[in-house]
Amino acid sequence: MLQAVDVIEYADSTGAEMAHRFPESGLANIKWGAQLIVRESQKAIFFRDGKALGTFGPGRHTLSTANLPLLQDLVKGVTGGKTPFQAEVYFVNLQTYRDVRWGTPKPILFKDVDLGLVMVRAFGTYHVRIADPQVFINTVVGTQPRFTVDDLNTQFRAMILRGFQENIKEMKVSVVDLPEQSSEISAAMKMVVAEDFGKGGLELLDFVVESINLPEEVEKMIAQTGGVIGGDMNRFMQYKTAQAMEGMATNPGGGGGAMQMGAGLGMGMMMPGMIQQAFQGAQAQPQGAPPQAGGPQQPAQAAPVAPQAEAQCPNCKAAVPAGAKFCMSCGNSMAPAVCPQCQNQLPPGAKFCMNCGTKMGG
């Protein structure tokens, strides 16, 4: 026989439990006159046979038929009101759960207006709280002895991802423009998710799409075929710059982050021009020239393009396109040096001024 309980309370030391059943095993024998202790930001709900018998807010409560009126007739009919009664108590935490993470476990399909079907990933956060404890227990928790934020994520993940996919499906944009639409997507997602959460007694306070990015292989494909996208790589490089800044914001302590970002941005400054030149070279081919039969066009068949002048990086000696501001191999600046004595412009790596003989860097 179960031992009669005279004190009922629960304190969550983890901060992650949204609901907890007392006792975890199920029904308990509870004495009349037992003390129920409900902490701040908690509510306690008595259940028997799946039916809610009473709800209690913060404070110390002495249990009696006065504050559990629905139990009165049941207890009197069975025991005359003298012996302990059986029930279970769910403690529900009403605090706001902030920055709950959501994301796509694997990339999902997006129809790009330029590239067709591509894969994208998305991540973000949301803030949520329990607005109706009884509905939450009945529709979300069920008979589980404890329910955590991780359980919430697991239960609602498919709904969130379905809502995200439905939202971006209606957007007639290029995949590289998606990050710029994060605010609009967040607002639309909040409406969709809030409705589903509301059915479970939950209130969605905020929903944020923090990042929309591409798998590495998709980024490579766009970089390689960027000239085909309207002959314009600027949008892709803007996307990459935003991703680099986003990475530094989420990992500000990462060593070498600024150096890597500088090299990446330097490469980004050169890429649009390099690919644009290739695109313009392809357009220069006479329109009447017949395609080569029996296979793809060979580079030798294209209209000749003047070879691009090259410079040499003074740091790593790699060949760099003329006019580049950074080395694509090491990220070193390719800006001309200036003599501190006569202000004469010098080629990168010069050790002495060719105009006045002043030693550079001395």
Protein backbone atom coordinates (compact mmCIF):
# COMPACT_ATOMS: atom_id res chain seq x y z
CA MET A 1 0.00 0.00 0.00
CA LEU A 2 1.25 3.51 -0.84
CA GLN A 3 2.44 5.62 2.07
CA ALA A 4 0.25 8.64 2.72
CA VAL A 5 1.77 11.97 1.67
CA ASP A 6 1.47 15.04 3.88
CA VAL A 7 3.74 17.49 1.97
CA ILE A 8 3.60 18.02 -1.80
CA GLU A 9 6.16 20.23 -3.55
CA TYR A 10 8.64 20.24 -6.42
CA ALA A 11 11.62 22.46 -7.24
CA ASP A 12 13.26 22.25 -10.66
CA SER A 13 17.03 22.69 -10.27
CA THR A 14 17.70 22.51 -14.02
CA GLY A 15 15.43 25.30 -15.23
CA ALA A 16 14.61 23.15 -18.26
CA GLU A 17 11.50 21.31 -17.01
CA MET A 18 8.23 22.74 -18.21
CA ALA A 19 6.09 20.24 -16.29
CA HIS A 20 6.70 17.58 -13.61
CA ARG A 21 4.34 14.98 -12.18
CA PHE A 22 4.20 14.25 -8.44
CA PRO A 23 4.84 11.47 -7.82
CA GLU A 24 6.63 10.45 -11.03
CA SER A 25 5.32 6.90 -10.68
CA GLY A 26 1.68 8.03 -10.79
CA LEU A 27 -1.04 8.21 -8.12
CA ALA A 28 -0.18 9.05 -4.52
CA ASN A 29 -2.17 8.62 -1.30
CA ILE A 30 -2.69 12.20 -0.12
CA LYS A 31 -3.90 13.06 3.37
CA TRP A 32 -6.59 15.61 3.97
CA GLY A 33 -4.83 18.55 5.56
CA ALA A 34 -1.62 17.87 3.60
CA GLN A 35 0.48 20.91 2.71
CA LEU A 36 0.81 21.84 -0.95
CA ILE A 37 3.73 24.22 -1.62
CA VAL A 38 3.66 26.00 -4.98
CA ARG A 39 6.62 28.21 -5.84
CA GLU A 40 6.64 31.49 -7.72
CA SER A 41 6.16 31.02 -11.48
CA GLN A 42 4.54 27.62 -10.80
CA LYS A 43 1.01 26.28 -10.92
CA ALA A 44 -0.09 22.94 -9.49
CA ILE A 45 -2.94 20.92 -11.00
CA PHE A 46 -4.55 17.90 -9.29
CA PHE A 47 -5.64 15.08 -11.60
CA ARG A 48 -7.53 11.85 -11.02
CA ASP A 49 -8.58 9.44 -13.77
CA GLY A 50 -7.48 11.99 -16.37
CA LYS A 51 -9.75 14.71 -15.00
CA ALA A 52 -8.51 17.98 -13.52
CA LEU A 53 -9.76 18.40 -9.94
CA GLY A 54 -8.28 21.78 -9.04
CA THR A 55 -5.58 24.33 -9.86
CA PHE A 56 -3.41 26.14 -7.31
CA GLY A 57 -1.19 29.22 -7.70
CA PRO A 58 1.95 30.20 -5.72
CA GLY A 59 1.79 29.81 -1.95
CA ARG A 60 1.19 27.21 0.81
CA HIS A 61 -2.18 25.49 0.64
CA THR A 62 -3.82 23.17 3.17
CA LEU A 63 -5.76 20.60 1.17
CA SER A 64 -9.43 20.17 2.01
CA THR A 65 -12.74 19.60 0.26
CA ALA A 66 -13.13 23.38 0.29
CA ASN A 67 -10.30 23.92 -2.20
CA LEU A 68 -10.82 20.59 -3.98
CA PRO A 69 -14.62 20.64 -4.37
CA LEU A 70 -14.66 18.31 -7.37
CA LEU A 71 -13.07 15.61 -5.21
CA GLN A 72 -15.54 15.98 -2.34
CA ASP A 73 -18.34 13.74 -3.62
CA LEU A 74 -15.87 11.10 -4.85
CA VAL A 75 -14.06 10.88 -1.52
CA LYS A 76 -17.24 10.83 0.55
CA GLY A 77 -18.77 8.12 -1.59
CA VAL A 78 -15.74 5.84 -1.30
CA THR A 79 -14.27 6.51 2.12
CA GLY A 80 -16.64 8.75 4.03
CA GLY A 81 -14.05 11.50 3.79
CA LYS A 82 -11.80 10.04 6.51
CA THR A 83 -8.94 8.28 4.73
CA PRO A 84 -6.30 9.58 2.26
CA PHE A 85 -7.45 10.12 -1.31
CA GLN A 86 -5.55 9.15 -4.46
CA ALA A 87 -4.49 11.73 -7.03
CA GLU A 88 -1.50 12.98 -8.98
CA VAL A 89 -0.22 16.54 -9.11
CA TYR A 90 1.41 18.25 -12.10
CA PHE A 91 3.67 21.21 -11.35
CA VAL A 92 3.80 23.53 -14.38
CA ASN A 93 6.48 26.22 -14.78
CA LEU A 94 5.07 29.50 -16.10
CA GLN A 95 8.42 31.19 -16.72
CA THR A 96 9.33 32.43 -20.20
CA TYR A 97 11.68 30.03 -21.98
CA ARG A 98 13.96 32.28 -24.03
CA ASP A 99 16.22 31.55 -26.97
CA VAL A 100 14.90 28.04 -27.56
CA ARG A 101 16.88 26.82 -30.56
CA TRP A 102 15.28 25.51 -33.74
CA GLY A 103 16.86 24.47 -37.01
CA THR A 104 16.76 22.23 -40.04
CA PRO A 105 18.36 18.87 -39.13
CA LYS A 106 19.14 18.43 -42.81
CA PRO A 107 18.90 20.81 -45.81
CA ILE A 108 15.47 21.36 -47.35
CA LEU A 109 14.46 22.10 -50.94
CA PHE A 110 14.02 25.66 -52.22
CA LYS A 111 13.05 26.63 -55.78
CA ASP A 112 15.54 29.28 -56.88
CA VAL A 113 14.34 31.58 -59.67
CA ASP A 114 17.75 31.23 -61.38
CA LEU A 115 19.12 27.81 -60.44
CA GLY A 116 15.98 25.73 -59.99
CA LEU A 117 15.82 23.38 -56.99
CA VAL A 118 18.62 23.87 -54.44
CA MET A 119 19.08 22.85 -50.81
CA VAL A 120 19.08 25.40 -47.95
CA ARG A 121 19.49 25.28 -44.18
CA ALA A 122 18.01 27.60 -41.55
CA PHE A 123 18.49 28.20 -37.83
CA GLY A 124 17.02 30.51 -35.23
CA THR A 125 15.39 30.92 -31.82
CA TYR A 126 11.99 31.47 -30.25
CA HIS A 127 10.60 32.59 -26.88
CA VAL A 128 7.65 30.69 -25.43
CA ARG A 129 5.69 30.32 -22.19
CA ILE A 130 2.82 28.18 -20.93
CA ALA A 131 -0.38 30.25 -21.05
CA ASP A 132 -2.95 27.57 -20.13
CA PRO A 133 -1.42 24.88 -17.85
CA GLN A 134 -4.41 22.55 -17.99
CA VAL A 135 -4.60 22.55 -21.81
CA PHE A 136 -0.82 22.13 -21.94
CA ILE A 137 -0.93 19.02 -19.73
CA ASN A 138 -3.89 17.49 -21.57
CA THR A 139 -2.74 18.13 -25.15
CA VAL A 140 1.07 18.29 -25.04
CA VAL A 141 2.41 16.49 -21.96
CA GLY A 142 -0.14 13.69 -21.76
CA THR A 143 0.95 10.98 -19.32
CA GLN A 144 4.68 11.75 -19.35
CA PRO A 145 6.11 12.13 -15.82
CA ARG A 146 8.29 15.09 -16.87
CA PHE A 147 8.38 17.39 -19.88
CA THR A 148 11.39 19.51 -20.86
CA VAL A 149 12.23 22.19 -23.44
CA ASP A 150 13.98 19.48 -25.49
CA ASP A 151 10.74 17.48 -25.48
CA LEU A 152 8.91 20.57 -26.73
CA ASN A 153 11.39 20.98 -29.59
CA THR A 154 11.08 17.32 -30.53
CA GLN A 155 7.29 17.43 -30.50
CA PHE A 156 6.95 20.65 -32.54
CA ARG A 157 10.01 20.32 -34.84
CA ALA A 158 8.12 18.89 -37.79
CA MET A 159 5.48 21.62 -37.54
CA ILE A 160 8.11 24.41 -37.47
CA LEU A 161 10.02 22.99 -40.43
CA ARG A 162 6.82 22.49 -42.41
CA GLY A 163 5.87 26.10 -41.76
CA PHE A 164 9.31 27.33 -42.81
CA GLN A 165 9.23 25.32 -46.03
CA GLU A 166 5.73 26.56 -46.87
CA ASN A 167 6.80 30.17 -46.34
CA ILE A 168 9.91 30.13 -48.51
CA LYS A 169 8.11 28.10 -51.19
CA GLU A 170 6.01 31.16 -52.02
CA MET A 171 9.03 33.46 -52.40
CA LYS A 172 10.06 34.11 -56.00
CA VAL A 173 13.67 35.11 -55.30
CA SER A 174 17.18 33.77 -55.72
CA VAL A 175 18.62 31.71 -52.90
CA VAL A 176 21.36 34.30 -52.35
CA ASP A 177 18.65 36.88 -51.60
CA LEU A 178 16.98 34.77 -48.88
CA PRO A 179 19.08 36.13 -45.95
CA GLU A 180 17.82 39.62 -46.75
CA GLN A 181 14.27 38.33 -46.30
CA SER A 182 14.90 37.00 -42.75
CA SER A 183 12.71 39.63 -41.05
CA GLU A 184 9.75 38.97 -43.34
CA ILE A 185 10.14 35.20 -42.96
CA SER A 186 10.39 35.56 -39.15
CA ALA A 187 7.13 37.55 -39.00
CA ALA A 188 5.30 35.05 -41.21
CA MET A 189 6.68 32.11 -39.22
CA LYS A 190 5.58 33.67 -35.92
CA MET A 191 1.97 33.74 -37.11
CA VAL A 192 2.06 30.11 -38.26
CA VAL A 193 3.86 28.73 -35.20
CA ALA A 194 1.83 30.83 -32.72
CA GLU A 195 -1.40 29.26 -33.95
CA ASP A 196 -0.13 25.70 -33.47
CA PHE A 197 1.45 26.50 -30.10
CA GLY A 198 -1.80 28.12 -28.96
CA LYS A 199 -3.66 24.84 -29.49
CA GLY A 200 -1.31 23.32 -26.92
CA GLY A 201 -1.81 26.00 -24.27
CA LEU A 202 1.43 27.78 -25.23
CA GLU A 203 2.03 31.44 -26.06
CA LEU A 204 4.73 32.22 -28.63
CA LEU A 205 6.32 35.54 -27.67
CA ASP A 206 8.86 35.81 -30.48
CA PHE A 207 10.21 33.81 -33.40
CA VAL A 208 13.47 34.70 -35.14
CA VAL A 209 15.14 33.33 -38.27
CA GLU A 210 18.80 34.02 -37.47
CA SER A 211 20.51 32.36 -40.40
CA ILE A 212 19.65 31.00 -43.83
CA ASN A 213 22.65 29.39 -45.50
CA LEU A 214 23.64 26.91 -48.14
CA PRO A 215 25.45 23.58 -48.02
CA GLU A 216 29.07 23.96 -49.11
CA GLU A 217 28.55 22.12 -52.39
CA VAL A 218 25.72 24.51 -53.35
CA GLU A 219 27.90 27.53 -52.62
CA LYS A 220 30.62 26.09 -54.87
CA MET A 221 28.12 25.52 -57.65
CA ILE A 222 26.87 29.12 -57.46
CA ALA A 223 30.43 30.45 -57.41
CA GLN A 224 31.33 28.37 -60.47
CA THR A 225 28.22 29.34 -62.45
CA GLY A 226 27.80 32.82 -61.04
CA GLY A 227 28.22 34.48 -64.44
CA VAL A 228 25.11 32.71 -65.67
CA ILE A 229 22.98 34.39 -62.98
CA GLY A 230 22.35 37.52 -64.99
CA GLY A 231 26.11 38.04 -65.32
CA ASP A 232 26.06 39.41 -61.75
CA MET A 233 27.94 37.90 -58.79
CA ASN A 234 27.41 40.90 -56.49
CA ARG A 235 24.44 39.28 -54.75
CA PHE A 236 26.40 36.12 -54.04
CA MET A 237 29.37 38.05 -52.64
CA GLN A 238 27.00 40.12 -50.48
CA TYR A 239 25.58 36.84 -49.20
CA LYS A 240 29.07 35.49 -48.41
CA THR A 241 30.04 38.73 -46.65
CA ALA A 242 26.90 38.55 -44.51
CA GLN A 243 27.68 34.92 -43.65
CA ALA A 244 31.25 35.81 -42.62
CA MET A 245 30.05 38.63 -40.37
CA GLU A 246 27.37 36.36 -38.93
CA GLY A 247 29.98 33.73 -38.10
CA MET A 248 32.15 36.29 -36.29
CA ALA A 249 29.13 37.52 -34.32
CA THR A 250 28.31 34.01 -33.10
CA ASN A 251 31.98 33.21 -32.34
CA PRO A 252 33.62 36.53 -31.40
CA GLY A 253 36.47 34.87 -29.51
CA GLY A 254 37.65 32.72 -32.40
CA GLY A 255 41.38 33.26 -32.93
CA GLY A 256 42.35 34.51 -36.37
CA GLY A 257 38.73 35.36 -37.20
CA ALA A 258 39.53 38.88 -38.31
CA MET A 259 42.45 37.65 -40.49
CA GLN A 260 40.30 34.98 -42.13
CA MET A 261 37.50 37.45 -42.69
CA GLY A 262 39.92 39.93 -44.24
CA ALA A 263 41.25 37.32 -46.63
CA GLY A 264 37.73 36.18 -47.45
CA LEU A 265 36.54 39.71 -48.14
CA GLY A 266 39.62 40.36 -50.26
CA MET A 267 38.79 37.34 -52.35
CA GLY A 268 35.20 38.54 -52.48
CA MET A 269 36.31 41.90 -53.88
CA MET A 270 38.16 40.16 -56.74
CA MET A 271 35.63 37.43 -57.57
CA PRO A 272 32.89 39.60 -59.15
CA GLY A 273 35.37 41.23 -61.55
CA MET A 274 37.03 37.94 -62.50
CA ILE A 275 33.75 36.17 -63.20
CA GLN A 276 32.28 39.25 -64.91
CA GLN A 277 35.26 39.26 -67.31
CA ALA A 278 34.63 35.61 -68.12
CA PHE A 279 30.95 36.37 -68.70
CA GLN A 280 31.69 39.31 -70.98
CA GLY A 281 34.21 37.19 -72.90
CA ALA A 282 31.53 34.58 -73.53
CA GLN A 283 29.13 37.27 -74.75
CA ALA A 284 31.76 38.61 -77.18
CA GLN A 285 31.47 35.46 -79.34
CA PRO A 286 29.67 36.26 -82.66
CA GLN A 287 26.01 35.30 -82.47
CA GLY A 288 26.11 33.68 -85.90
CA ALA A 289 28.92 31.29 -85.01
CA PRO A 290 27.54 27.72 -85.26
CA PRO A 291 27.91 25.47 -82.19
CA GLN A 292 30.32 22.56 -82.44
CA ALA A 293 28.42 19.36 -83.18
CA GLY A 294 28.63 16.28 -81.04
CA GLY A 295 29.57 17.59 -77.64
CA PRO A 296 30.11 20.61 -75.38
CA GLN A 297 31.91 23.69 -76.64
CA GLN A 298 35.66 23.64 -76.11
CA PRO A 299 37.32 26.74 -74.65
CA ALA A 300 39.58 26.96 -77.77
CA GLN A 301 36.52 27.50 -79.99
CA ALA A 302 35.42 30.66 -78.14
CA ALA A 303 36.28 34.12 -79.44
CA PRO A 304 39.82 34.98 -78.32
CA VAL A 305 40.03 37.06 -75.17
CA ALA A 306 43.06 39.18 -74.44
CA PRO A 307 45.17 37.57 -71.69
CA GLN A 308 44.76 39.24 -68.33
CA ALA A 309 47.86 40.93 -66.89
CA GLU A 310 49.16 39.49 -63.65
CA ALA A 311 51.07 40.79 -60.66
CA GLN A 312 53.04 38.87 -58.03
CA CYS A 313 52.18 38.87 -54.33
CA PRO A 314 55.22 40.22 -52.43
CA ASN A 315 54.35 37.99 -49.48
CA CYS A 316 53.77 34.49 -50.95
CA LYS A 317 54.92 35.12 -54.58
CA ALA A 318 51.63 33.81 -55.99
CA ALA A 319 50.33 35.19 -59.29
CA VAL A 320 47.54 37.71 -58.72
CA PRO A 321 45.30 39.37 -61.37
CA ALA A 322 46.29 42.95 -62.10
CA GLY A 323 44.20 45.41 -60.14
CA ALA A 324 43.44 42.96 -57.32
CA LYS A 325 43.46 44.56 -53.89
CA PHE A 326 44.28 41.39 -51.96
CA CYS A 327 46.18 38.16 -52.69
CA MET A 328 43.79 35.26 -53.24
CA SER A 329 46.34 32.84 -51.76
CA CYS A 330 47.34 34.52 -48.49
CA GLY A 331 45.07 37.57 -48.19
CA ASN A 332 48.01 40.01 -48.22
CA SER A 333 47.17 43.58 -49.32
CA MET A 334 48.20 44.36 -52.91
CA ALA A 335 47.78 48.12 -52.49
CA PRO A 336 50.83 50.11 -53.76
CA ALA A 337 53.28 51.31 -51.12
CA VAL A 338 53.86 55.05 -50.70
CA CYS A 339 57.27 56.56 -49.92
CA PRO A 340 57.05 58.45 -46.59
CA GLN A 341 59.69 60.92 -47.79
CA CYS A 342 58.54 62.02 -51.26
CA GLN A 343 55.06 60.42 -51.42
CA ASN A 344 56.02 58.59 -54.62
CA GLN A 345 53.89 55.48 -55.32
CA LEU A 346 55.89 52.24 -55.32
CA PRO A 347 55.11 48.71 -56.49
CA PRO A 348 54.14 46.17 -53.78
CA GLY A 349 57.21 44.72 -52.01
CA ALA A 350 59.59 47.59 -52.91
CA LYS A 351 62.44 47.94 -50.38
CA PHE A 352 63.71 51.36 -51.53
CA CYS A 353 62.03 54.37 -53.14
CA MET A 354 63.02 54.57 -56.82
CA ASN A 355 62.58 58.36 -56.74
CA CYS A 356 64.52 59.48 -53.63
CA GLY A 357 66.23 56.29 -52.41
CA THR A 358 64.50 56.22 -49.00
CA LYS A 359 64.50 52.76 -47.42
CA MET A 360 60.99 51.37 -47.01
CA GLY A 361 59.92 49.96 -43.66
CA GLY A 362 63.16 51.11 -42.06
